Amino acid sequence: SLIPGHGGLLDRFDGMLGGAVFLLLVGPWAGLPV
């Protein structure tokens, strides 16, 4: 109950885990316009 309305850190940043790890895996081959 750390974050009012959101639950905890895992509840708030669970999507960030999936997105960040995916980008880390495919980034070098995705032609990122860095």
All heavy atoms as atom14 arrays in JSON, in Angstrom:
{
  "sequence": "SLIPGHGGLLDRFDGMLGGAVFLLLVGPWAGLPV",
  "atom14_mask": [
    [1, 1, 1, 1, 1, 1, 0, 0, 0, 0, 0, 0, 0, 0],
    [1, 1, 1, 1, 1, 1, 1, 1, 0, 0, 0, 0, 0, 0],
    [1, 1, 1, 1, 1, 1, 1, 1, 0, 0, 0, 0, 0, 0],
    [1, 1, 1, 1, 1, 1, 1, 0, 0, 0, 0, 0, 0, 0],
    [1, 1, 1, 1, 0, 0, 0, 0, 0, 0, 0, 0, 0, 0],
    [1, 1, 1, 1, 1, 1, 1, 1, 1, 1, 0, 0, 0, 0],
    [1, 1, 1, 1, 0, 0, 0, 0, 0, 0, 0, 0, 0, 0],
    [1, 1, 1, 1, 0, 0, 0, 0, 0, 0, 0, 0, 0, 0],
    [1, 1, 1, 1, 1, 1, 1, 1, 0, 0, 0, 0, 0, 0],
    [1, 1, 1, 1, 1, 1, 1, 1, 0, 0, 0, 0, 0, 0],
    [1, 1, 1, 1, 1, 1, 1, 1, 0, 0, 0, 0, 0, 0],
    [1, 1, 1, 1, 1, 1, 1, 1, 1, 1, 1, 0, 0, 0],
    [1, 1, 1, 1, 1, 1, 1, 1, 1, 1, 1, 0, 0, 0],
    [1, 1, 1, 1, 1, 1, 1, 1, 0, 0, 0, 0, 0, 0],
    [1, 1, 1, 1, 0, 0, 0, 0, 0, 0, 0, 0, 0, 0],
    [1, 1, 1, 1, 1, 1, 1, 1, 0, 0, 0, 0, 0, 0],
    [1, 1, 1, 1, 1, 1, 1, 1, 0, 0, 0, 0, 0, 0],
    [1, 1, 1, 1, 0, 0, 0, 0, 0, 0, 0, 0, 0, 0],
    [1, 1, 1, 1, 0, 0, 0, 0, 0, 0, 0, 0, 0, 0],
    [1, 1, 1, 1, 1, 0, 0, 0, 0, 0, 0, 0, 0, 0],
    [1, 1, 1, 1, 1, 1, 1, 0, 0, 0, 0, 0, 0, 0],
    [1, 1, 1, 1, 1, 1, 1, 1, 1, 1, 1, 0, 0, 0],
    [1, 1, 1, 1, 1, 1, 1, 1, 0, 0, 0, 0, 0, 0],
    [1, 1, 1, 1, 1, 1, 1, 1, 0, 0, 0, 0, 0, 0],
    [1, 1, 1, 1, 1, 1, 1, 1, 0, 0, 0, 0, 0, 0],
    [1, 1, 1, 1, 1, 1, 1, 0, 0, 0, 0, 0, 0, 0],
    [1, 1, 1, 1, 0, 0, 0, 0, 0, 0, 0, 0, 0, 0],
    [1, 1, 1, 1, 1, 1, 1, 0, 0, 0, 0, 0, 0, 0],
    [1, 1, 1, 1, 1, 1, 1, 1, 1, 1, 1, 1, 1, 1],
    [1, 1, 1, 1, 1, 0, 0, 0, 0, 0, 0, 0, 0, 0],
    [1, 1, 1, 1, 0, 0, 0, 0, 0, 0, 0, 0, 0, 0],
    [1, 1, 1, 1, 1, 1, 1, 1, 0, 0, 0, 0, 0, 0],
    [1, 1, 1, 1, 1, 1, 1, 0, 0, 0, 0, 0, 0, 0],
    [1, 1, 1, 1, 1, 1, 1, 0, 0, 0, 0, 0, 0, 0]
  ],
  "atom14_positions": [
    [[0.83, -1.21, 0.0], [0.0, 0.0, 0.0], [0.86, 1.25, 0.0], [0.46, 2.29, 0.52], [-0.92, 0.0, 1.23], [-0.17, -0.09, 2.43], [0.0, 0.0, 0.0], [0.0, 0.0, 0.0], [0.0, 0.0, 0.0], [0.0, 0.0, 0.0], [0.0, 0.0, 0.0], [0.0, 0.0, 0.0], [0.0, 0.0, 0.0], [0.0, 0.0, 0.0]],
    [[2.04, 1.17, -0.6], [2.98, 2.29, -0.58], [2.48, 3.49, -1.37], [2.76, 4.63, -1.02], [4.34, 1.84, -1.13], [5.17, 0.9, -0.24], [6.44, 0.48, -0.97], [5.51, 1.56, 1.08], [0.0, 0.0, 0.0], [0.0, 0.0, 0.0], [0.0, 0.0, 0.0], [0.0, 0.0, 0.0], [0.0, 0.0, 0.0], [0.0, 0.0, 0.0]],
    [[1.76, 3.24, -2.48], [1.34, 4.33, -3.37], [-0.18, 4.42, -3.37], [-0.84, 3.54, -3.92], [1.85, 4.09, -4.8], [3.35, 3.8, -4.8], [1.56, 5.31, -5.68], [3.9, 3.41, -6.15], [0.0, 0.0, 0.0], [0.0, 0.0, 0.0], [0.0, 0.0, 0.0], [0.0, 0.0, 0.0], [0.0, 0.0, 0.0], [0.0, 0.0, 0.0]],
    [[-0.76, 5.47, -2.79], [-2.22, 5.59, -2.75], [-2.84, 5.53, -4.14], [-2.41, 6.22, -5.06], [-2.44, 6.97, -2.11], [-1.2, 7.22, -1.31], [-0.09, 6.58, -2.09], [0.0, 0.0, 0.0], [0.0, 0.0, 0.0], [0.0, 0.0, 0.0], [0.0, 0.0, 0.0], [0.0, 0.0, 0.0], [0.0, 0.0, 0.0], [0.0, 0.0, 0.0]],
    [[-3.86, 4.68, -4.27], [-4.56, 4.56, -5.54], [-3.9, 3.62, -6.52], [-4.51, 3.25, -7.54], [0.0, 0.0, 0.0], [0.0, 0.0, 0.0], [0.0, 0.0, 0.0], [0.0, 0.0, 0.0], [0.0, 0.0, 0.0], [0.0, 0.0, 0.0], [0.0, 0.0, 0.0], [0.0, 0.0, 0.0], [0.0, 0.0, 0.0], [0.0, 0.0, 0.0]],
    [[-2.67, 3.22, -6.25], [-1.94, 2.36, -7.18], [-1.49, 1.05, -6.55], [-1.1, 0.13, -7.26], [-0.7, 3.09, -7.72], [-1.01, 4.27, -8.57], [-1.17, 4.19, -9.93], [-1.21, 5.57, -8.25], [-1.44, 5.4, -10.43], [-1.47, 6.25, -9.42], [0.0, 0.0, 0.0], [0.0, 0.0, 0.0], [0.0, 0.0, 0.0], [0.0, 0.0, 0.0]],
    [[-1.51, 0.96, -5.23], [-1.01, -0.23, -4.56], [0.45, -0.07, -4.2], [0.84, 0.86, -3.49], [0.0, 0.0, 0.0], [0.0, 0.0, 0.0], [0.0, 0.0, 0.0], [0.0, 0.0, 0.0], [0.0, 0.0, 0.0], [0.0, 0.0, 0.0], [0.0, 0.0, 0.0], [0.0, 0.0, 0.0], [0.0, 0.0, 0.0], [0.0, 0.0, 0.0]],
    [[1.27, -0.97, -4.72], [2.7, -0.93, -4.41], [3.54, -0.62, -5.62], [3.04, -0.33, -6.71], [0.0, 0.0, 0.0], [0.0, 0.0, 0.0], [0.0, 0.0, 0.0], [0.0, 0.0, 0.0], [0.0, 0.0, 0.0], [0.0, 0.0, 0.0], [0.0, 0.0, 0.0], [0.0, 0.0, 0.0], [0.0, 0.0, 0.0], [0.0, 0.0, 0.0]],
    [[4.85, -0.68, -5.42], [5.78, -0.42, -6.51], [5.63, -1.45, -7.63], [5.67, -1.11, -8.81], [7.21, -0.43, -5.98], [7.56, 0.69, -4.99], [8.93, 0.42, -4.35], [7.56, 2.04, -5.69], [0.0, 0.0, 0.0], [0.0, 0.0, 0.0], [0.0, 0.0, 0.0], [0.0, 0.0, 0.0], [0.0, 0.0, 0.0], [0.0, 0.0, 0.0]],
    [[5.44, -2.71, -7.25], [5.25, -3.74, -8.27], [3.97, -3.5, -9.06], [3.94, -3.73, -10.28], [5.21, -5.12, -7.62], [6.54, -5.82, -7.37], [6.32, -7.08, -6.53], [7.24, -6.17, -8.67], [0.0, 0.0, 0.0], [0.0, 0.0, 0.0], [0.0, 0.0, 0.0], [0.0, 0.0, 0.0], [0.0, 0.0, 0.0], [0.0, 0.0, 0.0]],
    [[2.93, -3.05, -8.38], [1.68, -2.76, -9.08], [1.85, -1.61, -10.07], [1.26, -1.62, -11.15], [0.59, -2.38, -8.07], [0.29, -3.5, -7.1], [0.15, -4.65, -7.55], [0.2, -3.23, -5.89], [0.0, 0.0, 0.0], [0.0, 0.0, 0.0], [0.0, 0.0, 0.0], [0.0, 0.0, 0.0], [0.0, 0.0, 0.0], [0.0, 0.0, 0.0]],
    [[2.63, -0.62, -9.7], [2.8, 0.56, -10.54], [3.79, 0.33, -11.66], [3.63, 0.86, -12.77], [3.26, 1.74, -9.68], [3.49, 3.06, -10.39], [2.23, 3.57, -11.02], [1.97, 2.97, -12.35], [0.81, 2.97, -12.94], [-0.26, 3.49, -12.38], [0.66, 2.41, -14.12], [0.0, 0.0, 0.0], [0.0, 0.0, 0.0], [0.0, 0.0, 0.0]],
    [[4.85, -0.45, -11.4], [5.94, -0.57, -12.38], [6.03, -1.95, -13.02], [7.03, -2.25, -13.67], [7.28, -0.23, -11.7], [7.32, 1.17, -11.14], [7.62, 1.39, -9.8], [7.04, 2.26, -11.94], [7.65, 2.68, -9.28], [7.07, 3.55, -11.44], [7.37, 3.76, -10.1], [0.0, 0.0, 0.0], [0.0, 0.0, 0.0], [0.0, 0.0, 0.0]],
    [[4.98, -2.78, -12.86], [5.02, -4.09, -13.5], [5.1, -3.98, -15.02], [5.85, -4.72, -15.68], [3.82, -4.94, -13.08], [2.49, -4.2, -13.24], [2.49, -3.05, -13.74], [1.45, -4.77, -12.85], [0.0, 0.0, 0.0], [0.0, 0.0, 0.0], [0.0, 0.0, 0.0], [0.0, 0.0, 0.0], [0.0, 0.0, 0.0], [0.0, 0.0, 0.0]],
    [[4.36, -3.02, -15.58], [4.44, -2.82, -17.02], [5.8, -2.33, -17.48], [6.27, -2.69, -18.56], [0.0, 0.0, 0.0], [0.0, 0.0, 0.0], [0.0, 0.0, 0.0], [0.0, 0.0, 0.0], [0.0, 0.0, 0.0], [0.0, 0.0, 0.0], [0.0, 0.0, 0.0], [0.0, 0.0, 0.0], [0.0, 0.0, 0.0], [0.0, 0.0, 0.0]],
    [[6.45, -1.55, -16.62], [7.78, -1.05, -16.96], [8.78, -2.2, -17.06], [9.72, -2.17, -17.86], [8.25, -0.04, -15.92], [9.31, 0.92, -16.41], [8.67, 2.04, -17.68], [7.52, 3.02, -16.74], [0.0, 0.0, 0.0], [0.0, 0.0, 0.0], [0.0, 0.0, 0.0], [0.0, 0.0, 0.0], [0.0, 0.0, 0.0], [0.0, 0.0, 0.0]],
    [[8.59, -3.22, -16.23], [9.48, -4.38, -16.29], [9.4, -5.04, -17.67], [10.42, -5.31, -18.3], [9.11, -5.4, -15.21], [9.23, -4.99, -13.75], [8.84, -6.15, -12.86], [10.64, -4.51, -13.45], [0.0, 0.0, 0.0], [0.0, 0.0, 0.0], [0.0, 0.0, 0.0], [0.0, 0.0, 0.0], [0.0, 0.0, 0.0], [0.0, 0.0, 0.0]],
    [[8.17, -5.3, -18.12], [8.0, -5.93, -19.42], [8.53, -5.07, -20.55], [9.25, -5.55, -21.43], [0.0, 0.0, 0.0], [0.0, 0.0, 0.0], [0.0, 0.0, 0.0], [0.0, 0.0, 0.0], [0.0, 0.0, 0.0], [0.0, 0.0, 0.0], [0.0, 0.0, 0.0], [0.0, 0.0, 0.0], [0.0, 0.0, 0.0], [0.0, 0.0, 0.0]],
    [[8.18, -3.78, -20.54], [8.61, -2.89, -21.61], [10.11, -2.7, -21.66], [10.72, -2.73, -22.73], [0.0, 0.0, 0.0], [0.0, 0.0, 0.0], [0.0, 0.0, 0.0], [0.0, 0.0, 0.0], [0.0, 0.0, 0.0], [0.0, 0.0, 0.0], [0.0, 0.0, 0.0], [0.0, 0.0, 0.0], [0.0, 0.0, 0.0], [0.0, 0.0, 0.0]],
    [[10.73, -2.5, -20.5], [12.17, -2.24, -20.46], [12.98, -3.47, -20.86], [13.95, -3.36, -21.62], [12.57, -1.79, -19.06], [0.0, 0.0, 0.0], [0.0, 0.0, 0.0], [0.0, 0.0, 0.0], [0.0, 0.0, 0.0], [0.0, 0.0, 0.0], [0.0, 0.0, 0.0], [0.0, 0.0, 0.0], [0.0, 0.0, 0.0], [0.0, 0.0, 0.0]],
    [[12.6, -4.63, -20.36], [13.34, -5.85, -20.71], [13.17, -6.16, -22.2], [14.13, -6.55, -22.88], [12.87, -7.03, -19.84], [13.49, -8.34, -20.34], [13.26, -6.79, -18.38], [0.0, 0.0, 0.0], [0.0, 0.0, 0.0], [0.0, 0.0, 0.0], [0.0, 0.0, 0.0], [0.0, 0.0, 0.0], [0.0, 0.0, 0.0], [0.0, 0.0, 0.0]],
    [[11.96, -5.97, -22.73], [11.75, -6.19, -24.16], [12.63, -5.26, -24.99], [13.28, -5.69, -25.95], [10.28, -5.98, -24.5], [9.98, -6.04, -25.97], [9.89, -7.27, -26.62], [9.79, -4.89, -26.72], [9.62, -7.33, -27.98], [9.52, -4.95, -28.07], [9.44, -6.17, -28.7], [0.0, 0.0, 0.0], [0.0, 0.0, 0.0], [0.0, 0.0, 0.0]],
    [[12.66, -3.98, -24.62], [13.47, -3.03, -25.37], [14.94, -3.36, -25.27], [15.69, -3.24, -26.24], [13.22, -1.61, -24.85], [13.9, -0.5, -25.64], [13.35, -0.42, -27.06], [13.74, 0.85, -24.94], [0.0, 0.0, 0.0], [0.0, 0.0, 0.0], [0.0, 0.0, 0.0], [0.0, 0.0, 0.0], [0.0, 0.0, 0.0], [0.0, 0.0, 0.0]],
    [[15.37, -3.81, -24.11], [16.76, -4.2, -23.92], [17.13, -5.37, -24.83], [18.25, -5.44, -25.37], [17.0, -4.56, -22.46], [18.45, -4.69, -21.98], [19.16, -3.34, -22.08], [18.49, -5.19, -20.54], [0.0, 0.0, 0.0], [0.0, 0.0, 0.0], [0.0, 0.0, 0.0], [0.0, 0.0, 0.0], [0.0, 0.0, 0.0], [0.0, 0.0, 0.0]],
    [[16.19, -6.27, -25.03], [16.45, -7.45, -25.86], [16.45, -7.13, -27.34], [17.3, -7.61, -28.09], [15.4, -8.54, -25.56], [15.48, -9.22, -24.2], [14.29, -10.14, -24.0], [16.78, -10.01, -24.06], [0.0, 0.0, 0.0], [0.0, 0.0, 0.0], [0.0, 0.0, 0.0], [0.0, 0.0, 0.0], [0.0, 0.0, 0.0], [0.0, 0.0, 0.0]],
    [[15.49, -6.32, -27.8], [15.33, -6.1, -29.23], [15.99, -4.81, -29.71], [16.15, -4.63, -30.92], [13.84, -6.08, -29.64], [13.14, -7.33, -29.15], [13.14, -4.84, -29.1], [0.0, 0.0, 0.0], [0.0, 0.0, 0.0], [0.0, 0.0, 0.0], [0.0, 0.0, 0.0], [0.0, 0.0, 0.0], [0.0, 0.0, 0.0], [0.0, 0.0, 0.0]],
    [[16.34, -3.93, -28.8], [16.87, -2.63, -29.18], [18.0, -2.66, -30.19], [17.96, -1.94, -31.2], [0.0, 0.0, 0.0], [0.0, 0.0, 0.0], [0.0, 0.0, 0.0], [0.0, 0.0, 0.0], [0.0, 0.0, 0.0], [0.0, 0.0, 0.0], [0.0, 0.0, 0.0], [0.0, 0.0, 0.0], [0.0, 0.0, 0.0], [0.0, 0.0, 0.0]],
    [[19.03, -3.49, -29.96], [20.16, -3.5, -30.9], [19.78, -3.9, -32.32], [20.5, -3.6, -33.26], [21.11, -4.53, -30.27], [20.77, -4.52, -28.82], [19.28, -4.32, -28.78], [0.0, 0.0, 0.0], [0.0, 0.0, 0.0], [0.0, 0.0, 0.0], [0.0, 0.0, 0.0], [0.0, 0.0, 0.0], [0.0, 0.0, 0.0], [0.0, 0.0, 0.0]],
    [[18.65, -4.58, -32.48], [18.24, -5.05, -33.81], [17.03, -4.3, -34.34], [16.55, -4.59, -35.44], [17.91, -6.55, -33.75], [19.09, -7.36, -33.36], [20.11, -7.81, -34.16], [19.41, -7.8, -32.04], [21.03, -8.5, -33.43], [20.64, -8.52, -32.11], [18.8, -7.67, -30.79], [21.24, -9.09, -31.01], [19.41, -8.23, -29.68], [20.6, -8.93, -29.8]],
    [[16.52, -3.35, -33.57], [15.28, -2.68, -33.97], [15.51, -1.39, -34.72], [14.56, -0.71, -35.1], [14.42, -2.4, -32.74], [0.0, 0.0, 0.0], [0.0, 0.0, 0.0], [0.0, 0.0, 0.0], [0.0, 0.0, 0.0], [0.0, 0.0, 0.0], [0.0, 0.0, 0.0], [0.0, 0.0, 0.0], [0.0, 0.0, 0.0], [0.0, 0.0, 0.0]],
    [[16.77, -1.01, -34.93], [17.05, 0.24, -35.62], [16.59, 1.44, -34.86], [15.96, 2.35, -35.42], [0.0, 0.0, 0.0], [0.0, 0.0, 0.0], [0.0, 0.0, 0.0], [0.0, 0.0, 0.0], [0.0, 0.0, 0.0], [0.0, 0.0, 0.0], [0.0, 0.0, 0.0], [0.0, 0.0, 0.0], [0.0, 0.0, 0.0], [0.0, 0.0, 0.0]],
    [[16.85, 1.47, -33.55], [16.39, 2.58, -32.72], [16.98, 3.9, -33.19], [18.21, 4.0, -33.35], [16.77, 2.35, -31.25], [16.17, 1.1, -30.58], [16.63, 1.05, -29.14], [14.67, 1.12, -30.67], [0.0, 0.0, 0.0], [0.0, 0.0, 0.0], [0.0, 0.0, 0.0], [0.0, 0.0, 0.0], [0.0, 0.0, 0.0], [0.0, 0.0, 0.0]],
    [[16.17, 4.92, -33.39], [16.66, 6.23, -33.84], [17.19, 7.03, -32.67], [16.73, 8.13, -32.39], [15.41, 6.86, -34.43], [14.29, 6.29, -33.65], [14.71, 4.88, -33.31], [0.0, 0.0, 0.0], [0.0, 0.0, 0.0], [0.0, 0.0, 0.0], [0.0, 0.0, 0.0], [0.0, 0.0, 0.0], [0.0, 0.0, 0.0], [0.0, 0.0, 0.0]],
    [[18.18, 6.5, -31.95], [18.67, 7.12, -30.74], [19.2, 8.52, -31.01], [18.91, 9.49, -30.3], [19.75, 6.24, -30.09], [20.37, 6.98, -28.91], [19.16, 4.93, -29.63], [0.0, 0.0, 0.0], [0.0, 0.0, 0.0], [0.0, 0.0, 0.0], [0.0, 0.0, 0.0], [0.0, 0.0, 0.0], [0.0, 0.0, 0.0], [0.0, 0.0, 0.0]]
  ]
}
